[in-house]
C-alpha atoms as a PDB file:
ATOM      1  CA  MET A   1      83.989  99.100 113.338  1.00  0.00           C
ATOM      2  CA  ARG A   2      82.803 100.418 116.674  1.00  0.00           C
ATOM      3  CA  GLY A   3      81.997  98.511 119.788  1.00  0.00           C
ATOM      4  CA  GLY A   4      83.655  96.390 122.436  1.00  0.00           C
ATOM      5  CA  GLY A   5      85.119  93.922 119.957  1.00  0.00           C
ATOM      6  CA  GLU A   6      87.820  96.260 118.696  1.00  0.00           C
ATOM      7  CA  ALA A   7      91.330  94.830 118.873  1.00  0.00           C
ATOM      8  CA  VAL A   8      94.085  96.918 120.397  1.00  0.00           C
ATOM      9  CA  ALA A   9      96.975  97.041 117.928  1.00  0.00           C
ATOM     10  CA  TYR A  10      99.897  99.462 117.763  1.00  0.00           C
ATOM     11  CA  ASP A  11     102.464  99.621 114.990  1.00  0.00           C
ATOM     12  CA  PRO A  12     106.103  99.834 116.151  1.00  0.00           C
ATOM     13  CA  LYS A  13     106.318 103.639 115.846  1.00  0.00           C
ATOM     14  CA  LEU A  14     103.272 104.272 118.026  1.00  0.00           C
ATOM     15  CA  ALA A  15     104.344 101.523 120.444  1.00  0.00           C
ATOM     16  CA  ALA A  16     107.739 103.207 120.689  1.00  0.00           C
ATOM     17  CA  ALA A  17     106.215 106.635 121.300  1.00  0.00           C
ATOM     18  CA  LEU A  18     103.876 105.345 124.013  1.00  0.00           C
ATOM     19  CA  SER A  19     106.526 103.225 125.726  1.00  0.00           C
ATOM     20  CA  GLY A  20     109.674 105.326 125.376  1.00  0.00           C
ATOM     21  CA  ALA A  21     111.622 102.550 123.647  1.00  0.00           C
ATOM     22  CA  THR A  22     113.365 103.236 120.357  1.00  0.00           C
ATOM     23  CA  LEU A  23     112.503 101.351 117.199  1.00  0.00           C
ATOM     24  CA  ARG A  24     115.955  99.736 117.356  1.00  0.00           C
ATOM     25  CA  GLN A  25     115.275  98.586 120.935  1.00  0.00           C
ATOM     26  CA  LEU A  26     111.910  97.109 119.969  1.00  0.00           C
ATOM     27  CA  ALA A  27     113.535  95.097 117.197  1.00  0.00           C
ATOM     28  CA  HIS A  28     116.326  93.934 119.528  1.00  0.00           C
ATOM     29  CA  TRP A  29     113.968  93.036 122.373  1.00  0.00           C
ATOM     30  CA  ARG A  30     111.732  90.869 120.200  1.00  0.00           C
ATOM     31  CA  ASN A  31     114.769  88.985 118.859  1.00  0.00           C
ATOM     32  CA  ALA A  32     115.337  85.762 120.777  1.00  0.00           C
ATOM     33  CA  GLY A  33     118.970  85.546 119.712  1.00  0.00           C
ATOM     34  CA  ALA A  34     121.117  82.447 119.826  1.00  0.00           C
ATOM     35  CA  SER A  35     120.838  81.512 123.503  1.00  0.00           C
ATOM     36  CA  ARG A  36     118.558  84.006 125.247  1.00  0.00           C
ATOM     37  CA  GLY A  37     114.823  84.340 125.042  1.00  0.00           C
ATOM     38  CA  ALA A  38     113.289  87.506 123.660  1.00  0.00           C
ATOM     39  CA  VAL A  39     112.534  90.277 126.128  1.00  0.00           C
ATOM     40  CA  LEU A  40     109.100  90.727 124.578  1.00  0.00           C
ATOM     41  CA  ILE A  41     107.555  89.275 121.431  1.00  0.00           C
ATOM     42  CA  PRO A  42     104.422  91.204 120.360  1.00  0.00           C
ATOM     43  CA  GLU A  43     101.394  89.099 121.220  1.00  0.00           C
ATOM     44  CA  ILE A  44      99.411  90.234 118.160  1.00  0.00           C
ATOM     45  CA  SER A  45     102.070  89.821 115.483  1.00  0.00           C
ATOM     46  CA  GLY A  46     105.804  89.294 115.887  1.00  0.00           C
ATOM     47  CA  ARG A  47     106.339  89.307 112.120  1.00  0.00           C
ATOM     48  CA  ARG A  48     105.691  91.987 109.556  1.00  0.00           C
ATOM     49  CA  PRO A  49     103.469  93.799 109.924  1.00  0.00           C
ATOM     50  CA  VAL A  50     104.596  93.843 113.568  1.00  0.00           C
ATOM     51  CA  LEU A  51     101.725  94.788 115.888  1.00  0.00           C
ATOM     52  CA  TYR A  52     101.845  95.321 119.652  1.00  0.00           C
ATOM     53  CA  SER A  53      98.974  95.020 122.131  1.00  0.00           C
ATOM     54  CA  PHE A  54      98.145  97.456 124.916  1.00  0.00           C
ATOM     55  CA  ARG A  55      99.587  94.928 127.397  1.00  0.00           C
ATOM     56  CA  ASP A  56     102.775  94.862 125.317  1.00  0.00           C
ATOM     57  CA  VAL A  57     103.086  98.646 125.583  1.00  0.00           C
ATOM     58  CA  VAL A  58     102.679  98.500 129.370  1.00  0.00           C
ATOM     59  CA  ALA A  59     105.393  95.817 129.528  1.00  0.00           C
ATOM     60  CA  LEU A  60     107.651  97.844 127.235  1.00  0.00           C
ATOM     61  CA  ARG A  61     107.316 100.878 129.524  1.00  0.00           C
ATOM     62  CA  THR A  62     108.438  98.634 132.377  1.00  0.00           C
ATOM     63  CA  CYS A  63     111.505  97.553 130.411  1.00  0.00           C
ATOM     64  CA  VAL A  64     112.365 101.137 129.489  1.00  0.00           C
ATOM     65  CA  LYS A  65     112.136 102.219 133.129  1.00  0.00           C
ATOM     66  CA  LEU A  66     114.289  99.253 134.185  1.00  0.00           C
ATOM     67  CA  ARG A  67     116.933 100.310 131.656  1.00  0.00           C
ATOM     68  CA  ASN A  68     117.338 103.571 133.579  1.00  0.00           C
ATOM     69  CA  HIS A  69     118.923 101.531 136.391  1.00  0.00           C
ATOM     70  CA  ALA A  70     119.879  98.106 135.019  1.00  0.00           C
ATOM     71  CA  SER A  71     121.708  96.660 132.027  1.00  0.00           C
ATOM     72  CA  LEU A  72     119.903  94.625 129.377  1.00  0.00           C
ATOM     73  CA  GLN A  73     121.914  91.627 130.601  1.00  0.00           C
ATOM     74  CA  LYS A  74     120.400  92.002 134.093  1.00  0.00           C
ATOM     75  CA  ILE A  75     116.929  92.412 132.634  1.00  0.00           C
ATOM     76  CA  ARG A  76     117.333  89.205 130.637  1.00  0.00           C
ATOM     77  CA  ARG A  77     118.656  87.425 133.730  1.00  0.00           C
ATOM     78  CA  ALA A  78     115.681  88.650 135.749  1.00  0.00           C
ATOM     79  CA  LEU A  79     113.263  87.448 133.060  1.00  0.00           C
ATOM     80  CA  ASP A  80     115.034  84.080 132.962  1.00  0.00           C
ATOM     81  CA  THR A  81     114.420  83.748 136.713  1.00  0.00           C
ATOM     82  CA  LEU A  82     110.820  84.910 136.413  1.00  0.00           C
ATOM     83  CA  ARG A  83     109.943  82.554 133.570  1.00  0.00           C
ATOM     84  CA  GLY A  84     112.284  79.709 134.466  1.00  0.00           C
ATOM     85  CA  ASP A  85     112.890  79.303 138.204  1.00  0.00           C
ATOM     86  CA  LEU A  86     109.613  80.900 139.313  1.00  0.00           C
ATOM     87  CA  LYS A  87     107.672  79.410 136.370  1.00  0.00           C
ATOM     88  CA  GLU A  88     105.639  82.574 135.907  1.00  0.00           C
ATOM     89  CA  ARG A  89     103.825  82.380 132.585  1.00  0.00           C
ATOM     90  CA  GLU A  90     101.552  85.416 132.635  1.00  0.00           C
ATOM     91  CA  HIS A  91     102.095  88.330 130.263  1.00  0.00           C
ATOM     92  CA  LEU A  92     105.009  90.514 131.373  1.00  0.00           C
ATOM     93  CA  SER A  93     102.616  93.425 131.986  1.00  0.00           C
ATOM     94  CA  SER A  94     101.039  91.394 134.817  1.00  0.00           C
ATOM     95  CA  TYR A  95     104.126  91.772 137.009  1.00  0.00           C
ATOM     96  CA  THR A  96     105.551  94.725 138.907  1.00  0.00           C
ATOM     97  CA  LEU A  97     109.287  94.807 138.214  1.00  0.00           C
ATOM     98  CA  VAL A  98     111.469  97.394 139.934  1.00  0.00           C
ATOM     99  CA  ALA A  99     115.186  98.123 139.581  1.00  0.00           C
ATOM    100  CA  ASP A 100     116.942  99.177 142.771  1.00  0.00           C
ATOM    101  CA  ALA A 101     120.595  99.172 143.891  1.00  0.00           C
ATOM    102  CA  GLY A 102     121.863  97.243 140.900  1.00  0.00           C
ATOM    103  CA  THR A 103     119.287  94.461 140.829  1.00  0.00           C
ATOM    104  CA  ILE A 104     115.707  93.818 139.698  1.00  0.00           C
ATOM    105  CA  TYR A 105     112.849  92.778 141.945  1.00  0.00           C
ATOM    106  CA  LEU A 106     109.523  91.113 141.377  1.00  0.00           C
ATOM    107  CA  ALA A 107     107.502  93.287 143.738  1.00  0.00           C
ATOM    108  CA  ALA A 108     104.433  92.433 145.794  1.00  0.00           C
ATOM    109  CA  PRO A 109     102.783  94.499 148.543  1.00  0.00           C
ATOM    110  CA  GLY A 110     105.373  95.011 151.290  1.00  0.00           C
ATOM    111  CA  GLN A 111     108.079  92.756 149.884  1.00  0.00           C
ATOM    112  CA  ALA A 112     109.836  91.600 146.738  1.00  0.00           C
ATOM    113  CA  VAL A 113     111.922  88.796 145.276  1.00  0.00           C
ATOM    114  CA  ASP A 114     115.371  89.625 143.913  1.00  0.00           C
ATOM    115  CA  LEU A 115     115.331  88.164 140.397  1.00  0.00           C
ATOM    116  CA  VAL A 116     119.043  88.689 139.768  1.00  0.00           C
ATOM    117  CA  ARG A 117     120.631  87.524 143.021  1.00  0.00           C
ATOM    118  CA  ARG A 118     117.828  85.040 143.811  1.00  0.00           C
ATOM    119  CA  LYS A 119     116.990  86.419 147.267  1.00  0.00           C
ATOM    120  CA  ALA A 120     113.541  86.864 148.783  1.00  0.00           C
ATOM    121  CA  ASN A 121     111.673  89.184 151.128  1.00  0.00           C
ATOM    122  CA  VAL A 122     113.506  92.377 150.208  1.00  0.00           C
ATOM    123  CA  VAL A 123     111.479  95.435 151.180  1.00  0.00           C
ATOM    124  CA  ILE A 124     110.838  97.962 148.434  1.00  0.00           C
ATOM    125  CA  HIS A 125     110.398 101.436 149.850  1.00  0.00           C
ATOM    126  CA  GLU A 126     109.290 103.222 146.705  1.00  0.00           C
ATOM    127  CA  MET A 127     107.032 101.782 144.049  1.00  0.00           C
ATOM    128  CA  VAL A 128     106.794 103.522 140.680  1.00  0.00           C
ATOM    129  CA  ASP A 129     103.617 103.535 138.602  1.00  0.00           C
ATOM    130  CA  VAL A 130     104.682 102.495 135.118  1.00  0.00           C
ATOM    131  CA  LEU A 131     101.696 104.303 133.594  1.00  0.00           C
ATOM    132  CA  GLN A 132     102.878 107.702 134.843  1.00  0.00           C
ATOM    133  CA  PRO A 133     105.257 110.042 132.948  1.00  0.00           C
ATOM    134  CA  PHE A 134     109.003 109.538 133.268  1.00  0.00           C
ATOM    135  CA  TYR A 135     112.273 110.532 131.614  1.00  0.00           C
ATOM    136  CA  ARG A 136     114.539 108.324 129.530  1.00  0.00           C
ATOM    137  CA  ASP A 137     117.800 109.644 128.048  1.00  0.00           C
ATOM    138  CA  GLY A 138     116.572 113.206 128.489  1.00  0.00           C
ATOM    139  CA  ARG A 139     113.296 112.541 126.661  1.00  0.00           C
ATOM    140  CA  HIS A 140     109.998 113.052 128.462  1.00  0.00           C
ATOM    141  CA  ILE A 141     107.840 109.944 128.072  1.00  0.00           C
ATOM    142  CA  PRO A 142     104.213 110.971 128.638  1.00  0.00           C
ATOM    143  CA  SER A 143     101.524 109.290 130.681  1.00  0.00           C
ATOM    144  CA  LEU A 144     100.340 106.182 128.843  1.00  0.00           C
ATOM    145  CA  LEU A 145      96.632 106.806 129.432  1.00  0.00           C
ATOM    146  CA  GLN A 146      96.780 110.577 128.880  1.00  0.00           C
ATOM    147  CA  PRO A 147      99.797 111.475 126.734  1.00  0.00           C
ATOM    148  CA  ARG A 148      98.492 115.025 126.340  1.00  0.00           C
ATOM    149  CA  VAL A 149      95.942 117.030 128.321  1.00  0.00           C
ATOM    150  CA  HIS A 150      93.323 116.555 125.601  1.00  0.00           C
ATOM    151  CA  VAL A 151      94.545 113.215 124.204  1.00  0.00           C
ATOM    152  CA  THR A 152      93.717 109.911 125.905  1.00  0.00           C
ATOM    153  CA  VAL A 153      94.406 106.195 125.412  1.00  0.00           C
ATOM    154  CA  ASP A 154      91.738 103.684 126.397  1.00  0.00           C
ATOM    155  CA  PRO A 155      91.794 100.080 125.120  1.00  0.00           C
ATOM    156  CA  ALA A 156      87.973 100.161 125.148  1.00  0.00           C
ATOM    157  CA  VAL A 157      87.806 103.166 122.797  1.00  0.00           C
ATOM    158  CA  ARG A 158      88.686 102.634 119.123  1.00  0.00           C
ATOM    159  CA  GLY A 159      90.970  99.752 120.005  1.00  0.00           C
ATOM    160  CA  GLY A 160      93.312 101.891 122.080  1.00  0.00           C
ATOM    161  CA  VAL A 161      94.197 104.395 119.364  1.00  0.00           C
ATOM    162  CA  PRO A 162      94.933 107.763 121.042  1.00  0.00           C
ATOM    163  CA  VAL A 163      91.840 109.941 120.687  1.00  0.00           C
ATOM    164  CA  ILE A 164      90.691 113.413 121.628  1.00  0.00           C
ATOM    165  CA  GLU A 165      89.539 113.302 125.238  1.00  0.00           C
ATOM    166  CA  GLY A 166      85.831 112.578 125.602  1.00  0.00           C
ATOM    167  CA  THR A 167      85.443 111.638 121.932  1.00  0.00           C
ATOM    168  CA  ARG A 168      86.200 108.818 119.510  1.00  0.00           C
ATOM    169  CA  VAL A 169      88.137 111.102 117.167  1.00  0.00           C
ATOM    170  CA  PRO A 170      91.669 109.778 116.500  1.00  0.00           C
ATOM    171  CA  TYR A 171      94.422 112.265 117.241  1.00  0.00           C
ATOM    172  CA  ASP A 172      96.131 111.724 113.872  1.00  0.00           C
ATOM    173  CA  GLU A 173      93.042 112.670 111.874  1.00  0.00           C
ATOM    174  CA  VAL A 174      92.868 116.009 113.693  1.00  0.00           C
ATOM    175  CA  ALA A 175      96.629 116.513 113.353  1.00  0.00           C
ATOM    176  CA  ALA A 176      96.407 115.861 109.609  1.00  0.00           C
ATOM    177  CA  LEU A 177      93.867 118.656 109.213  1.00  0.00           C
ATOM    178  CA  LEU A 178      96.082 121.143 111.050  1.00  0.00           C
ATOM    179  CA  ARG A 179      99.082 120.084 108.995  1.00  0.00           C
ATOM    180  CA  ASP A 180      96.999 120.694 105.877  1.00  0.00           C
ATOM    181  CA  GLY A 181      96.476 124.282 106.985  1.00  0.00           C
ATOM    182  CA  VAL A 182      93.134 124.154 108.809  1.00  0.00           C
ATOM    183  CA  PRO A 183      93.285 126.651 111.721  1.00  0.00           C
ATOM    184  CA  PRO A 184      92.718 125.114 115.185  1.00  0.00           C
ATOM    185  CA  GLU A 185      89.579 127.182 115.714  1.00  0.00           C
ATOM    186  CA  ARG A 186      88.067 125.743 112.504  1.00  0.00           C
ATOM    187  CA  ILE A 187      88.595 122.090 113.448  1.00  0.00           C
ATOM    188  CA  SER A 188      85.099 122.085 114.939  1.00  0.00           C
ATOM    189  CA  ASP A 189      83.774 122.527 111.376  1.00  0.00           C
ATOM    190  CA  TYR A 190      84.988 118.979 110.760  1.00  0.00           C
ATOM    191  CA  TYR A 191      84.683 117.536 114.267  1.00  0.00           C
ATOM    192  CA  PRO A 192      82.179 119.554 116.360  1.00  0.00           C
ATOM    193  CA  SER A 193      83.356 117.915 119.602  1.00  0.00           C
ATOM    194  CA  VAL A 194      87.006 118.930 119.118  1.00  0.00           C
ATOM    195  CA  THR A 195      88.080 122.280 120.539  1.00  0.00           C
ATOM    196  CA  ALA A 196      91.010 124.387 119.367  1.00  0.00           C
ATOM    197  CA  PRO A 197      93.176 123.499 122.428  1.00  0.00           C
ATOM    198  CA  ALA A 198      92.428 119.812 121.833  1.00  0.00           C
ATOM    199  CA  ALA A 199      93.438 120.170 118.190  1.00  0.00           C
ATOM    200  CA  LEU A 200      96.739 121.752 119.201  1.00  0.00           C
ATOM    201  CA  ASP A 201      97.361 118.891 121.628  1.00  0.00           C
ATOM    202  CA  ALA A 202      96.633 116.408 118.837  1.00  0.00           C
ATOM    203  CA  VAL A 203      99.222 117.890 116.490  1.00  0.00           C
ATOM    204  CA  ASP A 204     101.731 118.237 119.330  1.00  0.00           C
ATOM    205  CA  PHE A 205     101.326 114.553 120.159  1.00  0.00           C
ATOM    206  CA  ALA A 206     101.569 113.657 116.461  1.00  0.00           C
ATOM    207  CA  ASP A 207     104.870 115.550 116.283  1.00  0.00           C
ATOM    208  CA  TYR A 208     106.086 113.581 119.306  1.00  0.00           C
ATOM    209  CA  VAL A 209     105.094 110.259 117.715  1.00  0.00           C
ATOM    210  CA  ASP A 210     106.823 111.243 114.458  1.00  0.00           C
ATOM    211  CA  SER A 211     110.003 111.956 116.400  1.00  0.00           C
ATOM    212  CA  TYR A 212     110.333 108.168 116.698  1.00  0.00           C
ATOM    213  CA  ASP A 213     110.652 107.815 112.929  1.00  0.00           C
ATOM    214  CA  PRO A 214     114.024 106.643 111.630  1.00  0.00           C
ATOM    215  CA  ASP A 215     116.216 109.340 110.131  1.00  0.00           C
ATOM    216  CA  PRO A 216     114.199 110.974 107.343  1.00  0.00           C
ATOM    217  CA  PRO A 217     115.495 110.495 103.806  1.00  0.00           C
ATOM    218  CA  ARG A 218     117.703 113.252 102.558  1.00  0.00           C
ATOM    219  CA  GLU A 219     116.145 115.664 100.118  1.00  0.00           C
ATOM    220  CA  PRO A 220     117.709 115.599  96.663  1.00  0.00           C
ATOM    221  CA  ARG A 221     120.191 118.358  96.090  1.00  0.00           C
ATOM    222  CA  GLU A 222     119.182 121.090  93.742  1.00  0.00           C
ATOM    223  CA  ALA A 223     120.945 121.128  90.438  1.00  0.00           C
ATOM    224  CA  ALA A 224     123.744 123.646  90.298  1.00  0.00           C
ATOM    225  CA  ALA A 225     122.850 126.800  88.516  1.00  0.00           C
ATOM    226  CA  GLY A 226     124.451 126.889  85.135  1.00  0.00           C
END
């Protein structure tokens, strides 16, 4: 259905690709464990089929960026302080969390609260926009709102499914046509608003998303010639 009532829902593979987390990390982070709370439980569905919201993906990108500088133990400690001592109950995407010099801050304009060492009024000199591209373990994590030049993500368009820029055409439908052998310059026969460069971006992004798949099953060995 079209219109403003579309729900934003991402399966774990797409949520992983848009956030930079691995599927294993997503499973671990939504597990509350014996004594610690979960890092993030999907707000749409925490059970199979697991479905993440756009806000979840923003929060996951924050966690991935924090892991570049802080251990998971410190992240959990920071979240304990945020949710426990500070009694903050908004969605995790509502907060600006920054890792710096071995700790994690809850940042506000001009100052921040140290969530690990419980200190206040620490000045943060450099704020990082979690929506912008970054690197994690050598992998380039693209911009959340524009993962490719001709591919965009907008929660108000088709429920946040990545689409060809300026259209409502999902990237995976265009990628499927190219993978079936349709030349990029003939994509407009199927989708008049999709150009050849946009089609190439769609399949490139689809390849990136598929790189988050678990190890593919091994192909059966051919029978020995007899």
